[in-house]
Amino acid sequence: MTDAQLGLMVATPIIIVFAIALRRMGAVRTTGAVVAVAASVVIAAVLFFTQ
């Protein structure tokens, strides 16, 4: 596993946690949080498997 892949495995859950926290605080709508989580997972998966 490369450093980039390890970074993706660390950064993606952090993004997901922030999206959930922002949703719970009412700063982001549910749709926005879902889109942010889905986009980060898709981007991380693509980058992870193309490294």
PDB file of N, CA and C in Angstrom:
ATOM      1  N   MET A   1       0.849  -1.174   0.000  1.00  0.00           N
ATOM      2  CA  MET A   1       0.000   0.000   0.000  1.00  0.00           C
ATOM      3  C   MET A   1       0.900   1.243   0.000  1.00  0.00           C
ATOM      4  N   THR A   2       0.593   2.155  -0.889  1.00  0.00           N
ATOM      5  CA  THR A   2       1.402   3.367  -1.007  1.00  0.00           C
ATOM      6  C   THR A   2       0.956   4.414   0.012  1.00  0.00           C
ATOM      7  N   ASP A   3       1.776   5.445   0.143  1.00  0.00           N
ATOM      8  CA  ASP A   3       1.427   6.542   1.052  1.00  0.00           C
ATOM      9  C   ASP A   3       0.147   7.239   0.606  1.00  0.00           C
ATOM     10  N   ALA A   4      -0.040   7.356  -0.704  1.00  0.00           N
ATOM     11  CA  ALA A   4      -1.245   8.013  -1.224  1.00  0.00           C
ATOM     12  C   ALA A   4      -2.494   7.216  -0.861  1.00  0.00           C
ATOM     13  N   GLN A   5      -2.426   5.905  -0.973  1.00  0.00           N
ATOM     14  CA  GLN A   5      -3.572   5.075  -0.626  1.00  0.00           C
ATOM     15  C   GLN A   5      -3.873   5.153   0.867  1.00  0.00           C
ATOM     16  N   LEU A   6      -2.826   5.180   1.671  1.00  0.00           N
ATOM     17  CA  LEU A   6      -3.020   5.317   3.110  1.00  0.00           C
ATOM     18  C   LEU A   6      -3.669   6.662   3.435  1.00  0.00           C
ATOM     19  N   GLY A   7      -3.225   7.709   2.758  1.00  0.00           N
ATOM     20  CA  GLY A   7      -3.819   9.028   2.948  1.00  0.00           C
ATOM     21  C   GLY A   7      -5.292   9.050   2.587  1.00  0.00           C
ATOM     22  N   LEU A   8      -5.653   8.365   1.510  1.00  0.00           N
ATOM     23  CA  LEU A   8      -7.063   8.287   1.117  1.00  0.00           C
ATOM     24  C   LEU A   8      -7.884   7.550   2.169  1.00  0.00           C
ATOM     25  N   MET A   9      -7.300   6.499   2.741  1.00  0.00           N
ATOM     26  CA  MET A   9      -8.016   5.732   3.755  1.00  0.00           C
ATOM     27  C   MET A   9      -8.202   6.531   5.041  1.00  0.00           C
ATOM     28  N   VAL A  10      -7.353   7.504   5.279  1.00  0.00           N
ATOM     29  CA  VAL A  10      -7.478   8.345   6.468  1.00  0.00           C
ATOM     30  C   VAL A  10      -8.389   9.542   6.192  1.00  0.00           C
ATOM     31  N   ALA A  11      -8.221  10.170   5.035  1.00  0.00           N
ATOM     32  CA  ALA A  11      -8.948  11.406   4.735  1.00  0.00           C
ATOM     33  C   ALA A  11     -10.440  11.176   4.482  1.00  0.00           C
ATOM     34  N   THR A  12     -10.785  10.094   3.820  1.00  0.00           N
ATOM     35  CA  THR A  12     -12.188   9.856   3.470  1.00  0.00           C
ATOM     36  C   THR A  12     -13.085   9.732   4.707  1.00  0.00           C
ATOM     37  N   PRO A  13     -12.721   8.941   5.706  1.00  0.00           N
ATOM     38  CA  PRO A  13     -13.575   8.897   6.908  1.00  0.00           C
ATOM     39  C   PRO A  13     -13.678  10.248   7.621  1.00  0.00           C
ATOM     40  N   ILE A  14     -12.605  11.036   7.579  1.00  0.00           N
ATOM     41  CA  ILE A  14     -12.655  12.362   8.202  1.00  0.00           C
ATOM     42  C   ILE A  14     -13.676  13.239   7.486  1.00  0.00           C
ATOM     43  N   ILE A  15     -13.684  13.188   6.161  1.00  0.00           N
ATOM     44  CA  ILE A  15     -14.658  13.959   5.381  1.00  0.00           C
ATOM     45  C   ILE A  15     -16.079  13.508   5.723  1.00  0.00           C
ATOM     46  N   ILE A  16     -16.275  12.209   5.845  1.00  0.00           N
ATOM     47  CA  ILE A  16     -17.597  11.674   6.165  1.00  0.00           C
ATOM     48  C   ILE A  16     -18.044  12.139   7.552  1.00  0.00           C
ATOM     49  N   VAL A  17     -17.142  12.100   8.519  1.00  0.00           N
ATOM     50  CA  VAL A  17     -17.476  12.544   9.881  1.00  0.00           C
ATOM     51  C   VAL A  17     -17.843  14.026   9.887  1.00  0.00           C
ATOM     52  N   PHE A  18     -17.085  14.853   9.152  1.00  0.00           N
ATOM     53  CA  PHE A  18     -17.402  16.277   9.084  1.00  0.00           C
ATOM     54  C   PHE A  18     -18.761  16.507   8.427  1.00  0.00           C
ATOM     55  N   ALA A  19     -19.077  15.758   7.385  1.00  0.00           N
ATOM     56  CA  ALA A  19     -20.372  15.916   6.722  1.00  0.00           C
ATOM     57  C   ALA A  19     -21.512  15.571   7.677  1.00  0.00           C
ATOM     58  N   ILE A  20     -21.336  14.503   8.442  1.00  0.00           N
ATOM     59  CA  ILE A  20     -22.364  14.111   9.410  1.00  0.00           C
ATOM     60  C   ILE A  20     -22.490  15.164  10.513  1.00  0.00           C
ATOM     61  N   ALA A  21     -21.356  15.663  10.985  1.00  0.00           N
ATOM     62  CA  ALA A  21     -21.386  16.688  12.035  1.00  0.00           C
ATOM     63  C   ALA A  21     -22.067  17.961  11.544  1.00  0.00           C
ATOM     64  N   LEU A  22     -21.749  18.382  10.327  1.00  0.00           N
ATOM     65  CA  LEU A  22     -22.387  19.577   9.770  1.00  0.00           C
ATOM     66  C   LEU A  22     -23.885  19.370   9.603  1.00  0.00           C
ATOM     67  N   ARG A  23     -24.281  18.161   9.243  1.00  0.00           N
ATOM     68  CA  ARG A  23     -25.707  17.863   9.099  1.00  0.00           C
ATOM     69  C   ARG A  23     -26.409  17.946  10.450  1.00  0.00           C
ATOM     70  N   ARG A  24     -25.784  17.388  11.471  1.00  0.00           N
ATOM     71  CA  ARG A  24     -26.397  17.403  12.808  1.00  0.00           C
ATOM     72  C   ARG A  24     -26.491  18.806  13.382  1.00  0.00           C
ATOM     73  N   MET A  25     -25.542  19.672  13.023  1.00  0.00           N
ATOM     74  CA  MET A  25     -25.584  21.059  13.493  1.00  0.00           C
ATOM     75  C   MET A  25     -26.568  21.892  12.693  1.00  0.00           C
ATOM     76  N   GLY A  26     -27.070  21.351  11.595  1.00  0.00           N
ATOM     77  CA  GLY A  26     -28.018  22.074  10.768  1.00  0.00           C
ATOM     78  C   GLY A  26     -27.371  22.997   9.764  1.00  0.00           C
ATOM     79  N   ALA A  27     -26.069  22.867   9.575  1.00  0.00           N
ATOM     80  CA  ALA A  27     -25.357  23.739   8.644  1.00  0.00           C
ATOM     81  C   ALA A  27     -25.508  23.281   7.195  1.00  0.00           C
ATOM     82  N   VAL A  28     -25.847  22.007   7.013  1.00  0.00           N
ATOM     83  CA  VAL A  28     -25.971  21.439   5.668  1.00  0.00           C
ATOM     84  C   VAL A  28     -27.256  20.625   5.624  1.00  0.00           C
ATOM     85  N   ARG A  29     -27.934  20.677   4.499  1.00  0.00           N
ATOM     86  CA  ARG A  29     -29.128  19.848   4.327  1.00  0.00           C
ATOM     87  C   ARG A  29     -28.712  18.385   4.187  1.00  0.00           C
ATOM     88  N   THR A  30     -29.673  17.501   4.392  1.00  0.00           N
ATOM     89  CA  THR A  30     -29.409  16.071   4.269  1.00  0.00           C
ATOM     90  C   THR A  30     -28.909  15.729   2.877  1.00  0.00           C
ATOM     91  N   THR A  31     -29.521  16.328   1.865  1.00  0.00           N
ATOM     92  CA  THR A  31     -29.106  16.064   0.488  1.00  0.00           C
ATOM     93  C   THR A  31     -27.652  16.455   0.273  1.00  0.00           C
ATOM     94  N   GLY A  32     -27.263  17.595   0.792  1.00  0.00           N
ATOM     95  CA  GLY A  32     -25.882  18.045   0.647  1.00  0.00           C
ATOM     96  C   GLY A  32     -24.904  17.117   1.340  1.00  0.00           C
ATOM     97  N   ALA A  33     -25.269  16.644   2.527  1.00  0.00           N
ATOM     98  CA  ALA A  33     -24.397  15.724   3.256  1.00  0.00           C
ATOM     99  C   ALA A  33     -24.253  14.404   2.511  1.00  0.00           C
ATOM    100  N   VAL A  34     -25.365  13.904   1.976  1.00  0.00           N
ATOM    101  CA  VAL A  34     -25.326  12.643   1.236  1.00  0.00           C
ATOM    102  C   VAL A  34     -24.475  12.785  -0.021  1.00  0.00           C
ATOM    103  N   VAL A  35     -24.632  13.890  -0.725  1.00  0.00           N
ATOM    104  CA  VAL A  35     -23.838  14.121  -1.935  1.00  0.00           C
ATOM    105  C   VAL A  35     -22.354  14.228  -1.590  1.00  0.00           C
ATOM    106  N   ALA A  36     -22.034  14.926  -0.515  1.00  0.00           N
ATOM    107  CA  ALA A  36     -20.632  15.070  -0.105  1.00  0.00           C
ATOM    108  C   ALA A  36     -20.017  13.722   0.252  1.00  0.00           C
ATOM    109  N   VAL A  37     -20.751  12.913   0.987  1.00  0.00           N
ATOM    110  CA  VAL A  37     -20.250  11.593   1.368  1.00  0.00           C
ATOM    111  C   VAL A  37     -20.096  10.706   0.141  1.00  0.00           C
ATOM    112  N   ALA A  38     -21.106  10.690  -0.718  1.00  0.00           N
ATOM    113  CA  ALA A  38     -21.040   9.854  -1.916  1.00  0.00           C
ATOM    114  C   ALA A  38     -19.892  10.275  -2.823  1.00  0.00           C
ATOM    115  N   ALA A  39     -19.732  11.571  -3.020  1.00  0.00           N
ATOM    116  CA  ALA A  39     -18.654  12.060  -3.882  1.00  0.00           C
ATOM    117  C   ALA A  39     -17.291  11.717  -3.304  1.00  0.00           C
ATOM    118  N   SER A  40     -17.118  11.868  -2.009  1.00  0.00           N
ATOM    119  CA  SER A  40     -15.817  11.564  -1.416  1.00  0.00           C
ATOM    120  C   SER A  40     -15.502  10.076  -1.496  1.00  0.00           C
ATOM    121  N   VAL A  41     -16.506   9.228  -1.323  1.00  0.00           N
ATOM    122  CA  VAL A  41     -16.284   7.785  -1.427  1.00  0.00           C
ATOM    123  C   VAL A  41     -15.939   7.394  -2.858  1.00  0.00           C
ATOM    124  N   VAL A  42     -16.659   7.943  -3.826  1.00  0.00           N
ATOM    125  CA  VAL A  42     -16.384   7.625  -5.233  1.00  0.00           C
ATOM    126  C   VAL A  42     -14.994   8.106  -5.636  1.00  0.00           C
ATOM    127  N   ILE A  43     -14.656   9.326  -5.275  1.00  0.00           N
ATOM    128  CA  ILE A  43     -13.341   9.868  -5.622  1.00  0.00           C
ATOM    129  C   ILE A  43     -12.240   9.053  -4.960  1.00  0.00           C
ATOM    130  N   ALA A  44     -12.420   8.718  -3.692  1.00  0.00           N
ATOM    131  CA  ALA A  44     -11.408   7.926  -2.990  1.00  0.00           C
ATOM    132  C   ALA A  44     -11.248   6.550  -3.623  1.00  0.00           C
ATOM    133  N   ALA A  45     -12.361   5.927  -4.002  1.00  0.00           N
ATOM    134  CA  ALA A  45     -12.284   4.603  -4.625  1.00  0.00           C
ATOM    135  C   ALA A  45     -11.556   4.658  -5.959  1.00  0.00           C
ATOM    136  N   VAL A  46     -11.891   5.645  -6.773  1.00  0.00           N
ATOM    137  CA  VAL A  46     -11.237   5.776  -8.080  1.00  0.00           C
ATOM    138  C   VAL A  46      -9.745   6.017  -7.902  1.00  0.00           C
ATOM    139  N   LEU A  47      -9.388   6.938  -7.029  1.00  0.00           N
ATOM    140  CA  LEU A  47      -7.972   7.231  -6.809  1.00  0.00           C
ATOM    141  C   LEU A  47      -7.248   6.047  -6.178  1.00  0.00           C
ATOM    142  N   PHE A  48      -7.915   5.343  -5.272  1.00  0.00           N
ATOM    143  CA  PHE A  48      -7.289   4.208  -4.598  1.00  0.00           C
ATOM    144  C   PHE A  48      -6.938   3.108  -5.598  1.00  0.00           C
ATOM    145  N   PHE A  49      -7.872   2.808  -6.489  1.00  0.00           N
ATOM    146  CA  PHE A  49      -7.656   1.694  -7.413  1.00  0.00           C
ATOM    147  C   PHE A  49      -6.843   2.066  -8.641  1.00  0.00           C
ATOM    148  N   THR A  50      -6.632   3.353  -8.885  1.00  0.00           N
ATOM    149  CA  THR A  50      -5.803   3.749 -10.023  1.00  0.00           C
ATOM    150  C   THR A  50      -4.384   4.098  -9.607  1.00  0.00           C
ATOM    151  N   GLN A  51      -4.087   4.050  -8.331  1.00  0.00           N
ATOM    152  CA  GLN A  51      -2.730   4.355  -7.862  1.00  0.00           C
ATOM    153  C   GLN A  51      -1.784   3.235  -8.232  1.00  0.00           C
TER     154      GLN A  51
END
